[in-house]
Amino acid sequence: MPESGGLATGDDIERFRRGDEFGFNTDTSTGSFADATAWPALTAPFRKFWEQRRTAAPGTLVSRDTESVGGGEFEVVRDEARGADLVTFSATEGLSVAWLGRTESGELSSIVVMGHMGMEALA
């Protein structure tokens, strides 16, 4: 039976093998991947955004210090000092399955998440 689960700080990505299910649950329709060693710096723009939203006058536009990539499908925060990134994206509410792409030698090369648009296409 394939293993199912996600990864957290300190987990070994190599424990996942061909056929294992890798994913995450969300109730906010948002997913992200980040270098956990730089988590405080990478999440700072989001924490600042929510604090400004909480204290702003109604109707005030508040923006985040993030980079929009992929035609606006993704938001990226970079920590240049640590060489770390956080990528956030819309995801299916509930379980979002992710696929790990590997090189011929077995090293992790990419991560693909089935988003909400893809799930509708399968329905």
PDB file of N, CA and C in Angstrom:
ATOM      1  N   MET A   1       0.845  -1.184   0.000  1.00  0.00           N
ATOM      2  CA  MET A   1       0.000   0.000   0.000  1.00  0.00           C
ATOM      3  C   MET A   1       0.887   1.242   0.000  1.00  0.00           C
ATOM      4  N   PRO A   2       0.685   2.198  -0.932  1.00  0.00           N
ATOM      5  CA  PRO A   2       1.501   3.404  -0.961  1.00  0.00           C
ATOM      6  C   PRO A   2       1.327   4.219   0.311  1.00  0.00           C
ATOM      7  N   GLU A   3       2.398   4.881   0.700  1.00  0.00           N
ATOM      8  CA  GLU A   3       2.356   5.768   1.850  1.00  0.00           C
ATOM      9  C   GLU A   3       1.705   7.079   1.436  1.00  0.00           C
ATOM     10  N   SER A   4       1.004   7.736   2.345  1.00  0.00           N
ATOM     11  CA  SER A   4       0.385   9.020   2.073  1.00  0.00           C
ATOM     12  C   SER A   4       0.815   9.987   3.152  1.00  0.00           C
ATOM     13  N   GLY A   5       1.058  11.232   2.769  1.00  0.00           N
ATOM     14  CA  GLY A   5       1.417  12.213   3.779  1.00  0.00           C
ATOM     15  C   GLY A   5       2.082  13.425   3.186  1.00  0.00           C
ATOM     16  N   GLY A   6       2.630  14.247   4.046  1.00  0.00           N
ATOM     17  CA  GLY A   6       3.336  15.458   3.662  1.00  0.00           C
ATOM     18  C   GLY A   6       4.660  15.508   4.379  1.00  0.00           C
ATOM     19  N   LEU A   7       5.370  16.589   4.188  1.00  0.00           N
ATOM     20  CA  LEU A   7       6.683  16.745   4.807  1.00  0.00           C
ATOM     21  C   LEU A   7       6.703  17.982   5.680  1.00  0.00           C
ATOM     22  N   ALA A   8       7.411  17.897   6.767  1.00  0.00           N
ATOM     23  CA  ALA A   8       7.607  19.024   7.661  1.00  0.00           C
ATOM     24  C   ALA A   8       9.102  19.175   7.913  1.00  0.00           C
ATOM     25  N   THR A   9       9.459  20.212   8.642  1.00  0.00           N
ATOM     26  CA  THR A   9      10.854  20.450   8.973  1.00  0.00           C
ATOM     27  C   THR A   9      11.465  19.192   9.575  1.00  0.00           C
ATOM     28  N   GLY A  10      12.600  18.779   9.043  1.00  0.00           N
ATOM     29  CA  GLY A  10      13.305  17.612   9.570  1.00  0.00           C
ATOM     30  C   GLY A  10      12.904  16.299   8.942  1.00  0.00           C
ATOM     31  N   ASP A  11      11.802  16.264   8.180  1.00  0.00           N
ATOM     32  CA  ASP A  11      11.391  15.032   7.506  1.00  0.00           C
ATOM     33  C   ASP A  11      12.319  14.755   6.330  1.00  0.00           C
ATOM     34  N   ASP A  12      12.514  13.506   6.038  1.00  0.00           N
ATOM     35  CA  ASP A  12      13.383  13.086   4.948  1.00  0.00           C
ATOM     36  C   ASP A  12      12.559  12.855   3.689  1.00  0.00           C
ATOM     37  N   ILE A  13      12.750  13.695   2.670  1.00  0.00           N
ATOM     38  CA  ILE A  13      12.005  13.565   1.424  1.00  0.00           C
ATOM     39  C   ILE A  13      12.288  12.231   0.745  1.00  0.00           C
ATOM     40  N   GLU A  14      13.411  11.628   1.060  1.00  0.00           N
ATOM     41  CA  GLU A  14      13.782  10.363   0.435  1.00  0.00           C
ATOM     42  C   GLU A  14      12.934   9.185   0.932  1.00  0.00           C
ATOM     43  N   ARG A  15      12.122   9.396   1.979  1.00  0.00           N
ATOM     44  CA  ARG A  15      11.267   8.302   2.445  1.00  0.00           C
ATOM     45  C   ARG A  15      10.124   8.035   1.481  1.00  0.00           C
ATOM     46  N   PHE A  16       9.837   8.978   0.580  1.00  0.00           N
ATOM     47  CA  PHE A  16       8.791   8.787  -0.420  1.00  0.00           C
ATOM     48  C   PHE A  16       9.370   8.075  -1.627  1.00  0.00           C
ATOM     49  N   ARG A  17       8.706   7.030  -2.062  1.00  0.00           N
ATOM     50  CA  ARG A  17       9.148   6.224  -3.196  1.00  0.00           C
ATOM     51  C   ARG A  17       8.091   6.230  -4.295  1.00  0.00           C
ATOM     52  N   ARG A  18       8.419   5.696  -5.453  1.00  0.00           N
ATOM     53  CA  ARG A  18       7.486   5.611  -6.575  1.00  0.00           C
ATOM     54  C   ARG A  18       6.171   4.991  -6.090  1.00  0.00           C
ATOM     55  N   GLY A  19       5.049   5.640  -6.397  1.00  0.00           N
ATOM     56  CA  GLY A  19       3.736   5.136  -6.017  1.00  0.00           C
ATOM     57  C   GLY A  19       3.202   5.711  -4.712  1.00  0.00           C
ATOM     58  N   ASP A  20       4.077   6.323  -3.895  1.00  0.00           N
ATOM     59  CA  ASP A  20       3.613   6.951  -2.661  1.00  0.00           C
ATOM     60  C   ASP A  20       2.792   8.194  -2.994  1.00  0.00           C
ATOM     61  N   GLU A  21       1.769   8.464  -2.192  1.00  0.00           N
ATOM     62  CA  GLU A  21       0.986   9.683  -2.352  1.00  0.00           C
ATOM     63  C   GLU A  21       1.522  10.728  -1.406  1.00  0.00           C
ATOM     64  N   PHE A  22       1.767  11.897  -1.947  1.00  0.00           N
ATOM     65  CA  PHE A  22       2.327  13.016  -1.207  1.00  0.00           C
ATOM     66  C   PHE A  22       1.356  14.170  -1.369  1.00  0.00           C
ATOM     67  N   GLY A  23       0.949  14.817  -0.308  1.00  0.00           N
ATOM     68  CA  GLY A  23       0.004  15.906  -0.445  1.00  0.00           C
ATOM     69  C   GLY A  23      -0.178  16.672   0.846  1.00  0.00           C
ATOM     70  N   PHE A  24      -1.159  17.548   0.828  1.00  0.00           N
ATOM     71  CA  PHE A  24      -1.456  18.363   2.004  1.00  0.00           C
ATOM     72  C   PHE A  24      -2.937  18.703   1.991  1.00  0.00           C
ATOM     73  N   ASN A  25      -3.465  18.966   3.166  1.00  0.00           N
ATOM     74  CA  ASN A  25      -4.852  19.392   3.320  1.00  0.00           C
ATOM     75  C   ASN A  25      -4.889  20.881   3.574  1.00  0.00           C
ATOM     76  N   THR A  26      -5.910  21.540   3.043  1.00  0.00           N
ATOM     77  CA  THR A  26      -6.090  22.963   3.302  1.00  0.00           C
ATOM     78  C   THR A  26      -7.573  23.282   3.403  1.00  0.00           C
ATOM     79  N   ASP A  27      -7.906  24.209   4.261  1.00  0.00           N
ATOM     80  CA  ASP A  27      -9.282  24.707   4.317  1.00  0.00           C
ATOM     81  C   ASP A  27      -9.314  26.178   3.911  1.00  0.00           C
ATOM     82  N   THR A  28      -8.195  26.663   3.349  1.00  0.00           N
ATOM     83  CA  THR A  28      -8.100  28.052   2.914  1.00  0.00           C
ATOM     84  C   THR A  28      -7.860  28.171   1.410  1.00  0.00           C
ATOM     85  N   SER A  29      -7.903  27.053   0.686  1.00  0.00           N
ATOM     86  CA  SER A  29      -7.665  27.013  -0.758  1.00  0.00           C
ATOM     87  C   SER A  29      -6.315  27.608  -1.144  1.00  0.00           C
ATOM     88  N   THR A  30      -5.333  27.441  -0.256  1.00  0.00           N
ATOM     89  CA  THR A  30      -3.991  27.965  -0.491  1.00  0.00           C
ATOM     90  C   THR A  30      -2.967  26.901  -0.136  1.00  0.00           C
ATOM     91  N   GLY A  31      -1.947  26.805  -0.960  1.00  0.00           N
ATOM     92  CA  GLY A  31      -0.831  25.910  -0.683  1.00  0.00           C
ATOM     93  C   GLY A  31       0.464  26.681  -0.815  1.00  0.00           C
ATOM     94  N   SER A  32       1.532  26.132  -0.258  1.00  0.00           N
ATOM     95  CA  SER A  32       2.834  26.770  -0.416  1.00  0.00           C
ATOM     96  C   SER A  32       3.930  25.751  -0.172  1.00  0.00           C
ATOM     97  N   PHE A  33       5.074  26.056  -0.747  1.00  0.00           N
ATOM     98  CA  PHE A  33       6.293  25.301  -0.500  1.00  0.00           C
ATOM     99  C   PHE A  33       7.344  26.317  -0.126  1.00  0.00           C
ATOM    100  N   ALA A  34       8.144  25.981   0.878  1.00  0.00           N
ATOM    101  CA  ALA A  34       9.162  26.926   1.339  1.00  0.00           C
ATOM    102  C   ALA A  34      10.319  26.181   1.976  1.00  0.00           C
ATOM    103  N   ASP A  35      11.419  26.869   2.057  1.00  0.00           N
ATOM    104  CA  ASP A  35      12.575  26.381   2.793  1.00  0.00           C
ATOM    105  C   ASP A  35      12.305  26.705   4.264  1.00  0.00           C
ATOM    106  N   ALA A  36      12.075  25.681   5.057  1.00  0.00           N
ATOM    107  CA  ALA A  36      11.683  25.877   6.458  1.00  0.00           C
ATOM    108  C   ALA A  36      12.759  26.569   7.287  1.00  0.00           C
ATOM    109  N   THR A  37      14.016  26.497   6.857  1.00  0.00           N
ATOM    110  CA  THR A  37      15.086  27.147   7.631  1.00  0.00           C
ATOM    111  C   THR A  37      14.960  28.664   7.583  1.00  0.00           C
ATOM    112  N   ALA A  38      14.225  29.197   6.605  1.00  0.00           N
ATOM    113  CA  ALA A  38      14.055  30.644   6.478  1.00  0.00           C
ATOM    114  C   ALA A  38      12.598  31.063   6.698  1.00  0.00           C
ATOM    115  N   TRP A  39      11.811  30.212   7.333  1.00  0.00           N
ATOM    116  CA  TRP A  39      10.371  30.452   7.494  1.00  0.00           C
ATOM    117  C   TRP A  39      10.026  31.829   8.059  1.00  0.00           C
ATOM    118  N   PRO A  40      10.635  32.290   9.151  1.00  0.00           N
ATOM    119  CA  PRO A  40      10.256  33.613   9.674  1.00  0.00           C
ATOM    120  C   PRO A  40      10.450  34.737   8.651  1.00  0.00           C
ATOM    121  N   ALA A  41      11.566  34.747   7.954  1.00  0.00           N
ATOM    122  CA  ALA A  41      11.821  35.797   6.956  1.00  0.00           C
ATOM    123  C   ALA A  41      10.882  35.661   5.762  1.00  0.00           C
ATOM    124  N   LEU A  42      10.636  34.433   5.328  1.00  0.00           N
ATOM    125  CA  LEU A  42       9.800  34.213   4.145  1.00  0.00           C
ATOM    126  C   LEU A  42       8.331  34.521   4.395  1.00  0.00           C
ATOM    127  N   THR A  43       7.856  34.332   5.598  1.00  0.00           N
ATOM    128  CA  THR A  43       6.443  34.585   5.904  1.00  0.00           C
ATOM    129  C   THR A  43       6.191  36.003   6.416  1.00  0.00           C
ATOM    130  N   ALA A  44       7.238  36.779   6.643  1.00  0.00           N
ATOM    131  CA  ALA A  44       7.086  38.141   7.172  1.00  0.00           C
ATOM    132  C   ALA A  44       6.153  39.009   6.320  1.00  0.00           C
ATOM    133  N   PRO A  45       6.244  38.997   4.978  1.00  0.00           N
ATOM    134  CA  PRO A  45       5.320  39.839   4.198  1.00  0.00           C
ATOM    135  C   PRO A  45       3.851  39.477   4.399  1.00  0.00           C
ATOM    136  N   PHE A  46       3.555  38.210   4.636  1.00  0.00           N
ATOM    137  CA  PHE A  46       2.175  37.789   4.852  1.00  0.00           C
ATOM    138  C   PHE A  46       1.691  38.208   6.238  1.00  0.00           C
ATOM    139  N   ARG A  47       2.558  38.041   7.256  1.00  0.00           N
ATOM    140  CA  ARG A  47       2.180  38.487   8.604  1.00  0.00           C
ATOM    141  C   ARG A  47       1.967  39.990   8.635  1.00  0.00           C
ATOM    142  N   LYS A  48       2.841  40.752   7.966  1.00  0.00           N
ATOM    143  CA  LYS A  48       2.711  42.213   7.904  1.00  0.00           C
ATOM    144  C   LYS A  48       1.411  42.593   7.192  1.00  0.00           C
ATOM    145  N   PHE A  49       1.093  41.900   6.101  1.00  0.00           N
ATOM    146  CA  PHE A  49      -0.135  42.155   5.355  1.00  0.00           C
ATOM    147  C   PHE A  49      -1.363  41.984   6.250  1.00  0.00           C
ATOM    148  N   TRP A  50      -1.431  40.862   6.966  1.00  0.00           N
ATOM    149  CA  TRP A  50      -2.601  40.613   7.809  1.00  0.00           C
ATOM    150  C   TRP A  50      -2.690  41.591   8.974  1.00  0.00           C
ATOM    151  N   GLU A  51      -1.566  42.013   9.519  1.00  0.00           N
ATOM    152  CA  GLU A  51      -1.588  43.019  10.594  1.00  0.00           C
ATOM    153  C   GLU A  51      -2.074  44.355  10.040  1.00  0.00           C
ATOM    154  N   GLN A  52      -1.601  44.742   8.859  1.00  0.00           N
ATOM    155  CA  GLN A  52      -2.056  45.997   8.249  1.00  0.00           C
ATOM    156  C   GLN A  52      -3.542  45.927   7.898  1.00  0.00           C
ATOM    157  N   ARG A  53      -4.006  44.795   7.407  1.00  0.00           N
ATOM    158  CA  ARG A  53      -5.436  44.632   7.093  1.00  0.00           C
ATOM    159  C   ARG A  53      -6.279  44.755   8.348  1.00  0.00           C
ATOM    160  N   ARG A  54      -5.777  44.177   9.446  1.00  0.00           N
ATOM    161  CA  ARG A  54      -6.526  44.197  10.707  1.00  0.00           C
ATOM    162  C   ARG A  54      -6.693  45.619  11.227  1.00  0.00           C
ATOM    163  N   THR A  55      -5.687  46.476  11.011  1.00  0.00           N
ATOM    164  CA  THR A  55      -5.711  47.818  11.581  1.00  0.00           C
ATOM    165  C   THR A  55      -6.106  48.906  10.582  1.00  0.00           C
ATOM    166  N   ALA A  56      -6.240  48.561   9.294  1.00  0.00           N
ATOM    167  CA  ALA A  56      -6.572  49.561   8.268  1.00  0.00           C
ATOM    168  C   ALA A  56      -8.046  49.955   8.339  1.00  0.00           C
ATOM    169  N   ALA A  57      -8.308  51.163   7.898  1.00  0.00           N
ATOM    170  CA  ALA A  57      -9.684  51.634   7.820  1.00  0.00           C
ATOM    171  C   ALA A  57     -10.426  50.813   6.758  1.00  0.00           C
ATOM    172  N   PRO A  58     -11.720  50.570   6.939  1.00  0.00           N
ATOM    173  CA  PRO A  58     -12.496  49.812   5.949  1.00  0.00           C
ATOM    174  C   PRO A  58     -12.316  50.410   4.550  1.00  0.00           C
ATOM    175  N   GLY A  59     -12.132  49.549   3.566  1.00  0.00           N
ATOM    176  CA  GLY A  59     -11.971  49.987   2.182  1.00  0.00           C
ATOM    177  C   GLY A  59     -10.555  50.366   1.799  1.00  0.00           C
ATOM    178  N   THR A  60      -9.632  50.354   2.766  1.00  0.00           N
ATOM    179  CA  THR A  60      -8.239  50.698   2.478  1.00  0.00           C
ATOM    180  C   THR A  60      -7.552  49.535   1.787  1.00  0.00           C
ATOM    181  N   LEU A  61      -6.878  49.818   0.678  1.00  0.00           N
ATOM    182  CA  LEU A  61      -6.140  48.800  -0.065  1.00  0.00           C
ATOM    183  C   LEU A  61      -4.805  48.539   0.625  1.00  0.00           C
ATOM    184  N   VAL A  62      -4.540  47.279   0.913  1.00  0.00           N
ATOM    185  CA  VAL A  62      -3.281  46.876   1.545  1.00  0.00           C
ATOM    186  C   VAL A  62      -2.601  45.884   0.606  1.00  0.00           C
ATOM    187  N   SER A  63      -1.322  46.101   0.336  1.00  0.00           N
ATOM    188  CA  SER A  63      -0.605  45.192  -0.569  1.00  0.00           C
ATOM    189  C   SER A  63       0.458  44.421   0.200  1.00  0.00           C
ATOM    190  N   ARG A  64       0.948  43.360  -0.455  1.00  0.00           N
ATOM    191  CA  ARG A  64       2.005  42.529   0.130  1.00  0.00           C
ATOM    192  C   ARG A  64       3.304  42.773  -0.613  1.00  0.00           C
ATOM    193  N   ASP A  65       4.413  42.607   0.073  1.00  0.00           N
ATOM    194  CA  ASP A  65       5.732  42.728  -0.522  1.00  0.00           C
ATOM    195  C   ASP A  65       6.147  41.361  -1.063  1.00  0.00           C
ATOM    196  N   THR A  66       5.453  40.928  -2.142  1.00  0.00           N
ATOM    197  CA  THR A  66       5.728  39.644  -2.773  1.00  0.00           C
ATOM    198  C   THR A  66       5.873  39.858  -4.275  1.00  0.00           C
ATOM    199  N   GLU A  67       6.367  38.847  -4.962  1.00  0.00           N
ATOM    200  CA  GLU A  67       6.525  38.895  -6.406  1.00  0.00           C
ATOM    201  C   GLU A  67       5.481  37.976  -7.038  1.00  0.00           C
ATOM    202  N   SER A  68       4.767  38.491  -8.020  1.00  0.00           N
ATOM    203  CA  SER A  68       3.780  37.691  -8.749  1.00  0.00           C
ATOM    204  C   SER A  68       4.477  37.046  -9.938  1.00  0.00           C
ATOM    205  N   VAL A  69       4.336  35.732 -10.082  1.00  0.00           N
ATOM    206  CA  VAL A  69       4.956  35.011 -11.205  1.00  0.00           C
ATOM    207  C   VAL A  69       3.935  34.068 -11.830  1.00  0.00           C
ATOM    208  N   GLY A  70       4.278  33.553 -12.997  1.00  0.00           N
ATOM    209  CA  GLY A  70       3.387  32.602 -13.669  1.00  0.00           C
ATOM    210  C   GLY A  70       2.064  33.211 -14.047  1.00  0.00           C
ATOM    211  N   GLY A  71       2.094  34.458 -14.533  1.00  0.00           N
ATOM    212  CA  GLY A  71       0.840  35.101 -14.930  1.00  0.00           C
ATOM    213  C   GLY A  71      -0.081  35.389 -13.760  1.00  0.00           C
ATOM    214  N   GLY A  72       0.478  35.525 -12.572  1.00  0.00           N
ATOM    215  CA  GLY A  72      -0.321  35.811 -11.384  1.00  0.00           C
ATOM    216  C   GLY A  72      -0.825  34.575 -10.661  1.00  0.00           C
ATOM    217  N   GLU A  73      -0.449  33.390 -11.142  1.00  0.00           N
ATOM    218  CA  GLU A  73      -0.895  32.146 -10.516  1.00  0.00           C
ATOM    219  C   GLU A  73      -0.136  31.854  -9.215  1.00  0.00           C
ATOM    220  N   PHE A  74       1.047  32.449  -9.055  1.00  0.00           N
ATOM    221  CA  PHE A  74       1.895  32.177  -7.901  1.00  0.00           C
ATOM    222  C   PHE A  74       2.392  33.474  -7.291  1.00  0.00           C
ATOM    223  N   GLU A  75       2.645  33.439  -5.982  1.00  0.00           N
ATOM    224  CA  GLU A  75       3.312  34.534  -5.279  1.00  0.00           C
ATOM    225  C   GLU A  75       4.614  33.984  -4.729  1.00  0.00           C
ATOM    226  N   VAL A  76       5.681  34.762  -4.852  1.00  0.00           N
ATOM    227  CA  VAL A  76       6.986  34.318  -4.391  1.00  0.00           C
ATOM    228  C   VAL A  76       7.572  35.345  -3.441  1.00  0.00           C
ATOM    229  N   VAL A  77       8.195  34.842  -2.379  1.00  0.00           N
ATOM    230  CA  VAL A  77       8.995  35.659  -1.470  1.00  0.00           C
ATOM    231  C   VAL A  77      10.381  35.032  -1.470  1.00  0.00           C
ATOM    232  N   ARG A  78      11.395  35.870  -1.590  1.00  0.00           N
ATOM    233  CA  ARG A  78      12.770  35.364  -1.624  1.00  0.00           C
ATOM    234  C   ARG A  78      13.564  35.910  -0.451  1.00  0.00           C
ATOM    235  N   ASP A  79      14.385  35.054   0.125  1.00  0.00           N
ATOM    236  CA  ASP A  79      15.349  35.459   1.140  1.00  0.00           C
ATOM    237  C   ASP A  79      16.720  35.253   0.495  1.00  0.00           C
ATOM    238  N   GLU A  80      17.229  36.304  -0.122  1.00  0.00           N
ATOM    239  CA  GLU A  80      18.480  36.216  -0.874  1.00  0.00           C
ATOM    240  C   GLU A  80      19.650  35.804   0.020  1.00  0.00           C
ATOM    241  N   ALA A  81      19.661  36.272   1.262  1.00  0.00           N
ATOM    242  CA  ALA A  81      20.767  35.951   2.169  1.00  0.00           C
ATOM    243  C   ALA A  81      20.877  34.447   2.419  1.00  0.00           C
ATOM    244  N   ARG A  82      19.749  33.768   2.498  1.00  0.00           N
ATOM    245  CA  ARG A  82      19.754  32.327   2.755  1.00  0.00           C
ATOM    246  C   ARG A  82      19.592  31.501   1.472  1.00  0.00           C
ATOM    247  N   GLY A  83      19.339  32.176   0.348  1.00  0.00           N
ATOM    248  CA  GLY A  83      19.081  31.448  -0.895  1.00  0.00           C
ATOM    249  C   GLY A  83      17.808  30.630  -0.810  1.00  0.00           C
ATOM    250  N   ALA A  84      16.792  31.167  -0.134  1.00  0.00           N
ATOM    251  CA  ALA A  84      15.554  30.436   0.126  1.00  0.00           C
ATOM    252  C   ALA A  84      14.369  31.161  -0.509  1.00  0.00           C
ATOM    253  N   ASP A  85      13.364  30.373  -0.901  1.00  0.00           N
ATOM    254  CA  ASP A  85      12.141  30.917  -1.492  1.00  0.00           C
ATOM    255  C   ASP A  85      10.915  30.321  -0.826  1.00  0.00           C
ATOM    256  N   LEU A  86       9.818  31.078  -0.879  1.00  0.00           N
ATOM    257  CA  LEU A  86       8.497  30.583  -0.533  1.00  0.00           C
ATOM    258  C   LEU A  86       7.625  30.826  -1.751  1.00  0.00           C
ATOM    259  N   VAL A  87       6.940  29.794  -2.221  1.00  0.00           N
ATOM    260  CA  VAL A  87       6.021  29.907  -3.350  1.00  0.00           C
ATOM    261  C   VAL A  87       4.639  29.550  -2.829  1.00  0.00           C
ATOM    262  N   THR A  88       3.674  30.420  -3.063  1.00  0.00           N
ATOM    263  CA  THR A  88       2.311  30.165  -2.623  1.00  0.00           C
ATOM    264  C   THR A  88       1.379  30.176  -3.836  1.00  0.00           C
ATOM    265  N   PHE A  89       0.301  29.419  -3.769  1.00  0.00           N
ATOM    266  CA  PHE A  89      -0.576  29.220  -4.923  1.00  0.00           C
ATOM    267  C   PHE A  89      -1.948  28.792  -4.443  1.00  0.00           C
ATOM    268  N   SER A  90      -2.940  28.926  -5.336  1.00  0.00           N
ATOM    269  CA  SER A  90      -4.272  28.437  -4.984  1.00  0.00           C
ATOM    270  C   SER A  90      -4.268  26.917  -5.086  1.00  0.00           C
ATOM    271  N   ALA A  91      -5.019  26.282  -4.226  1.00  0.00           N
ATOM    272  CA  ALA A  91      -5.057  24.814  -4.170  1.00  0.00           C
ATOM    273  C   ALA A  91      -6.496  24.371  -3.913  1.00  0.00           C
ATOM    274  N   THR A  92      -6.739  23.113  -4.165  1.00  0.00           N
ATOM    275  CA  THR A  92      -8.047  22.536  -3.906  1.00  0.00           C
ATOM    276  C   THR A  92      -8.316  22.518  -2.410  1.00  0.00           C
ATOM    277  N   GLU A  93      -9.496  22.943  -2.004  1.00  0.00           N
ATOM    278  CA  GLU A  93      -9.848  22.832  -0.593  1.00  0.00           C
ATOM    279  C   GLU A  93      -9.976  21.354  -0.266  1.00  0.00           C
ATOM    280  N   GLY A  94      -9.384  20.956   0.834  1.00  0.00           N
ATOM    281  CA  GLY A  94      -9.312  19.543   1.167  1.00  0.00           C
ATOM    282  C   GLY A  94      -7.941  19.022   0.794  1.00  0.00           C
ATOM    283  N   LEU A  95      -7.889  17.810   0.268  1.00  0.00           N
ATOM    284  CA  LEU A  95      -6.613  17.200  -0.081  1.00  0.00           C
ATOM    285  C   LEU A  95      -6.128  17.656  -1.452  1.00  0.00           C
ATOM    286  N   SER A  96      -4.905  18.144  -1.508  1.00  0.00           N
ATOM    287  CA  SER A  96      -4.228  18.459  -2.769  1.00  0.00           C
ATOM    288  C   SER A  96      -3.079  17.478  -2.914  1.00  0.00           C
ATOM    289  N   VAL A  97      -3.098  16.722  -4.001  1.00  0.00           N
ATOM    290  CA  VAL A  97      -2.060  15.732  -4.241  1.00  0.00           C
ATOM    291  C   VAL A  97      -0.898  16.405  -4.961  1.00  0.00           C
ATOM    292  N   ALA A  98       0.312  16.061  -4.562  1.00  0.00           N
ATOM    293  CA  ALA A  98       1.518  16.597  -5.189  1.00  0.00           C
ATOM    294  C   ALA A  98       2.329  15.436  -5.752  1.00  0.00           C
ATOM    295  N   TRP A  99       2.983  15.688  -6.870  1.00  0.00           N
ATOM    296  CA  TRP A  99       3.871  14.692  -7.468  1.00  0.00           C
ATOM    297  C   TRP A  99       5.292  15.215  -7.382  1.00  0.00           C
ATOM    298  N   LEU A 100       6.197  14.333  -7.036  1.00  0.00           N
ATOM    299  CA  LEU A 100       7.602  14.679  -6.961  1.00  0.00           C
ATOM    300  C   LEU A 100       8.281  14.186  -8.230  1.00  0.00           C
ATOM    301  N   GLY A 101       8.880  15.110  -8.975  1.00  0.00           N
ATOM    302  CA  GLY A 101       9.633  14.739 -10.168  1.00  0.00           C
ATOM    303  C   GLY A 101      11.090  14.514  -9.796  1.00  0.00           C
ATOM    304  N   ARG A 102      11.669  13.484 -10.341  1.00  0.00           N
ATOM    305  CA  ARG A 102      13.056  13.149 -10.016  1.00  0.00           C
ATOM    306  C   ARG A 102      13.898  13.040 -11.277  1.00  0.00           C
ATOM    307  N   THR A 103      15.173  13.325 -11.121  1.00  0.00           N
ATOM    308  CA  THR A 103      16.107  13.165 -12.226  1.00  0.00           C
ATOM    309  C   THR A 103      16.356  11.677 -12.442  1.00  0.00           C
ATOM    310  N   GLU A 104      17.074  11.353 -13.490  1.00  0.00           N
ATOM    311  CA  GLU A 104      17.392   9.962 -13.789  1.00  0.00           C
ATOM    312  C   GLU A 104      18.143   9.304 -12.635  1.00  0.00           C
ATOM    313  N   SER A 105      18.945  10.110 -11.907  1.00  0.00           N
ATOM    314  CA  SER A 105      19.697   9.560 -10.778  1.00  0.00           C
ATOM    315  C   SER A 105      18.876   9.511  -9.492  1.00  0.00           C
ATOM    316  N   GLY A 106      17.617   9.998  -9.534  1.00  0.00           N
ATOM    317  CA  GLY A 106      16.740   9.906  -8.376  1.00  0.00           C
ATOM    318  C   GLY A 106      16.665  11.147  -7.513  1.00  0.00           C
ATOM    319  N   GLU A 107      17.378  12.223  -7.872  1.00  0.00           N
ATOM    320  CA  GLU A 107      17.327  13.451  -7.085  1.00  0.00           C
ATOM    321  C   GLU A 107      16.037  14.214  -7.380  1.00  0.00           C
ATOM    322  N   LEU A 108      15.502  14.895  -6.358  1.00  0.00           N
ATOM    323  CA  LEU A 108      14.286  15.688  -6.523  1.00  0.00           C
ATOM    324  C   LEU A 108      14.556  16.827  -7.502  1.00  0.00           C
ATOM    325  N   SER A 109      13.706  16.960  -8.523  1.00  0.00           N
ATOM    326  CA  SER A 109      13.904  18.015  -9.518  1.00  0.00           C
ATOM    327  C   SER A 109      12.701  18.951  -9.646  1.00  0.00           C
ATOM    328  N   SER A 110      11.508  18.485  -9.283  1.00  0.00           N
ATOM    329  CA  SER A 110      10.325  19.331  -9.401  1.00  0.00           C
ATOM    330  C   SER A 110       9.212  18.818  -8.503  1.00  0.00           C
ATOM    331  N   ILE A 111       8.269  19.718  -8.220  1.00  0.00           N
ATOM    332  CA  ILE A 111       7.070  19.372  -7.459  1.00  0.00           C
ATOM    333  C   ILE A 111       5.881  19.896  -8.249  1.00  0.00           C
ATOM    334  N   VAL A 112       4.903  19.048  -8.489  1.00  0.00           N
ATOM    335  CA  VAL A 112       3.702  19.438  -9.227  1.00  0.00           C
ATOM    336  C   VAL A 112       2.505  19.196  -8.326  1.00  0.00           C
ATOM    337  N   VAL A 113       1.635  20.216  -8.196  1.00  0.00           N
ATOM    338  CA  VAL A 113       0.430  20.103  -7.380  1.00  0.00           C
ATOM    339  C   VAL A 113      -0.777  20.237  -8.294  1.00  0.00           C
ATOM    340  N   MET A 114      -1.702  19.292  -8.185  1.00  0.00           N
ATOM    341  CA  MET A 114      -2.935  19.369  -8.955  1.00  0.00           C
ATOM    342  C   MET A 114      -3.794  20.455  -8.332  1.00  0.00           C
ATOM    343  N   GLY A 115      -3.982  21.563  -9.043  1.00  0.00           N
ATOM    344  CA  GLY A 115      -4.753  22.690  -8.538  1.00  0.00           C
ATOM    345  C   GLY A 115      -6.231  22.539  -8.808  1.00  0.00           C
ATOM    346  N   HIS A 116      -6.993  23.528  -8.388  1.00  0.00           N
ATOM    347  CA  HIS A 116      -8.444  23.462  -8.516  1.00  0.00           C
ATOM    348  C   HIS A 116      -8.897  23.397  -9.963  1.00  0.00           C
ATOM    349  N   MET A 117      -8.214  24.046 -10.889  1.00  0.00           N
ATOM    350  CA  MET A 117      -8.625  23.990 -12.296  1.00  0.00           C
ATOM    351  C   MET A 117      -8.440  22.584 -12.845  1.00  0.00           C
ATOM    352  N   GLY A 118      -7.332  21.945 -12.481  1.00  0.00           N
ATOM    353  CA  GLY A 118      -7.075  20.592 -12.943  1.00  0.00           C
ATOM    354  C   GLY A 118      -8.080  19.605 -12.381  1.00  0.00           C
ATOM    355  N   MET A 119      -8.499  19.796 -11.159  1.00  0.00           N
ATOM    356  CA  MET A 119      -9.459  18.886 -10.553  1.00  0.00           C
ATOM    357  C   MET A 119     -10.803  18.989 -11.266  1.00  0.00           C
ATOM    358  N   GLU A 120     -11.205  20.175 -11.684  1.00  0.00           N
ATOM    359  CA  GLU A 120     -12.466  20.317 -12.396  1.00  0.00           C
ATOM    360  C   GLU A 120     -12.395  19.570 -13.719  1.00  0.00           C
ATOM    361  N   ALA A 121     -11.227  19.612 -14.361  1.00  0.00           N
ATOM    362  CA  ALA A 121     -11.080  18.950 -15.650  1.00  0.00           C
ATOM    363  C   ALA A 121     -11.226  17.433 -15.506  1.00  0.00           C
ATOM    364  N   LEU A 122     -10.870  16.893 -14.338  1.00  0.00           N
ATOM    365  CA  LEU A 122     -10.973  15.459 -14.114  1.00  0.00           C
ATOM    366  C   LEU A 122     -12.373  15.018 -13.722  1.00  0.00           C
ATOM    367  N   ALA A 123     -13.185  15.949 -13.270  1.00  0.00           N
ATOM    368  CA  ALA A 123     -14.525  15.611 -12.783  1.00  0.00           C
ATOM    369  C   ALA A 123     -15.459  15.192 -13.898  1.00  0.00           C
TER     370      ALA A 123
END
